[in-house]
Structures are given as structure tokens and as C-alpha cells.
């Protein structure tokens, strides 16, 4: 699956993943390969991305910079203030209001 995570001012993550957990407004849910198409609003909480093989770009909250890595199975967690998720044909778009400090 491919995911793109955006805030109004930057790209937070882009690359191949095996799963993503998000804080939906009706409860937390996980997206895996071949998930049914969905659009959902998100509330404040944690987004957990599990990476797949291949390069990915991610926002490092500690340094405030965009990093490139290739670590399959890495868990990247962002605390968010809300947003939206769209899933269609193994393409995931996360549009976030903001990334919060942990």
C-alpha cells in the first residue's frame, strides 16, 4: 500500500506501508492491504504507520526535518489534532490539521 500524509504546510510521510492505525471520530481503526474504499474524519489521537520494504520519507518530530529511510516494519507514530483519511485501491491519503508535540 502507498500512503501520503499531508498537513497544510508540509508533507509528513510518503512511501510503502503494511498498515496504518488512525483515530476515527467513531473509534480507532486499522487499514490493511485491500481495505474497502473509505473516507473518514479523524479526531485528536495517534496515527501509527508500519513501514514496508522500500524507501520512505518521513517528518522527524524531534529534529523538525524530513528524513529518508528504508527500515521494513518500523513503527512511526504521530500525535494529531484531527483530519481526514481516504482509502481507495491500496492508495491512502491522510490530510491532517496538525502534528502535535508528543
Protein backbone atom coordinates (compact mmCIF):
# COMPACT_ATOMS: atom_id res chain seq x y z
CA UNK A 1 0.00 0.00 0.00
CA UNK A 2 1.13 3.54 -0.64
CA UNK A 3 0.41 6.40 1.73
CA UNK A 4 0.78 10.15 1.52
CA UNK A 5 0.38 12.15 4.75
CA UNK A 6 -0.03 15.93 4.45
CA UNK A 7 -0.57 18.89 6.76
CA UNK A 8 -1.39 22.38 5.42
CA UNK A 9 2.31 23.32 5.46
CA UNK A 10 4.28 20.12 4.72
CA UNK A 11 4.40 16.52 3.54
CA UNK A 12 4.74 14.40 6.70
CA UNK A 13 5.17 10.91 5.24
CA UNK A 14 5.23 9.23 1.84
CA UNK A 15 6.03 5.63 0.99
CA UNK A 16 5.00 1.99 1.10
CA UNK A 17 3.40 0.64 4.28
CA UNK A 18 1.88 -2.59 5.59
CA UNK A 19 -0.69 -0.91 7.86
CA UNK A 20 -1.88 2.33 9.40
CA UNK A 21 -3.98 2.87 12.55
CA UNK A 22 -5.95 6.10 12.84
CA UNK A 23 -8.19 7.74 15.47
CA UNK A 24 -11.53 7.86 13.64
CA UNK A 25 -14.25 10.05 15.13
CA UNK A 26 -16.26 6.87 15.83
CA UNK A 27 -13.24 4.98 17.17
CA UNK A 28 -9.77 3.83 16.20
CA UNK A 29 -9.45 1.62 13.11
CA UNK A 30 -6.69 -0.02 11.08
CA UNK A 31 -6.22 -0.10 7.32
CA UNK A 32 -4.55 -3.17 5.78
CA UNK A 33 -3.94 -4.22 2.16
CA UNK A 34 -7.11 -4.42 0.00
CA UNK A 35 -9.19 -2.44 2.53
CA UNK A 36 -12.60 -1.37 1.24
CA UNK A 37 -12.80 2.21 -0.07
CA UNK A 38 -13.48 4.64 2.78
CA UNK A 39 -13.44 8.33 3.64
CA UNK A 40 -13.49 9.16 7.36
CA UNK A 41 -12.91 12.11 9.63
CA UNK A 42 -10.24 11.81 12.32
CA UNK A 43 -10.14 13.16 15.85
CA UNK A 44 -7.23 14.01 18.12
CA UNK A 45 -5.08 10.96 18.82
CA UNK A 46 -2.23 8.89 17.43
CA UNK A 47 -1.57 7.77 13.86
CA UNK A 48 0.61 4.63 13.75
CA UNK A 49 2.28 3.78 10.44
CA UNK A 50 4.07 0.43 9.92
CA UNK A 51 6.50 0.64 7.01
CA UNK A 52 7.03 -1.89 4.23
CA UNK A 53 10.19 -2.61 2.21
CA UNK A 54 11.50 0.32 0.20
CA UNK A 55 12.48 3.92 0.79
CA UNK A 56 10.10 6.27 2.56
CA UNK A 57 10.24 9.93 3.51
CA UNK A 58 9.05 10.95 6.97
CA UNK A 59 8.89 14.03 9.16
CA UNK A 60 11.12 13.60 12.22
CA UNK A 61 9.30 15.34 15.08
CA UNK A 62 12.49 15.53 17.17
CA UNK A 63 14.61 17.36 14.59
CA UNK A 64 11.79 19.04 12.64
CA UNK A 65 13.24 17.80 9.34
CA UNK A 66 12.25 15.42 6.56
CA UNK A 67 14.31 12.19 6.65
CA UNK A 68 14.59 9.28 4.19
CA UNK A 69 14.81 5.72 5.50
CA UNK A 70 14.44 2.09 4.42
CA UNK A 71 13.52 0.06 7.51
CA UNK A 72 10.75 -2.50 6.88
CA UNK A 73 8.48 -2.96 9.90
CA UNK A 74 9.37 0.35 11.54
CA UNK A 75 6.57 1.98 13.55
CA UNK A 76 6.21 5.71 13.06
CA UNK A 77 3.76 7.43 15.38
CA UNK A 78 2.38 10.96 15.05
CA UNK A 79 0.07 12.66 17.52
CA UNK A 80 -2.51 14.60 15.53
CA UNK A 81 -5.20 17.18 16.23
CA UNK A 82 -7.64 15.81 13.61
CA UNK A 83 -8.10 15.45 9.87
CA UNK A 84 -9.37 13.04 7.22
CA UNK A 85 -8.39 9.71 5.66
CA UNK A 86 -9.24 8.40 2.20
CA UNK A 87 -8.54 4.80 1.11
CA UNK A 88 -9.00 3.69 -2.50
CA UNK A 89 -7.28 0.81 -4.35
CA UNK A 90 -4.45 0.48 -1.79
CA UNK A 91 -3.71 4.23 -2.05
CA UNK A 92 -4.13 6.08 1.25
CA UNK A 93 -4.29 9.83 1.71
CA UNK A 94 -4.14 11.33 5.20
CA UNK A 95 -4.93 15.03 5.40
CA UNK A 96 -4.09 16.25 8.90
CA UNK A 97 -4.86 19.53 10.64
CA UNK A 98 -1.59 19.48 12.57
CA UNK A 99 1.14 17.30 14.06
CA UNK A 100 1.27 17.81 17.84
CA UNK A 101 4.34 17.57 20.02
CA UNK A 102 4.48 14.29 21.96
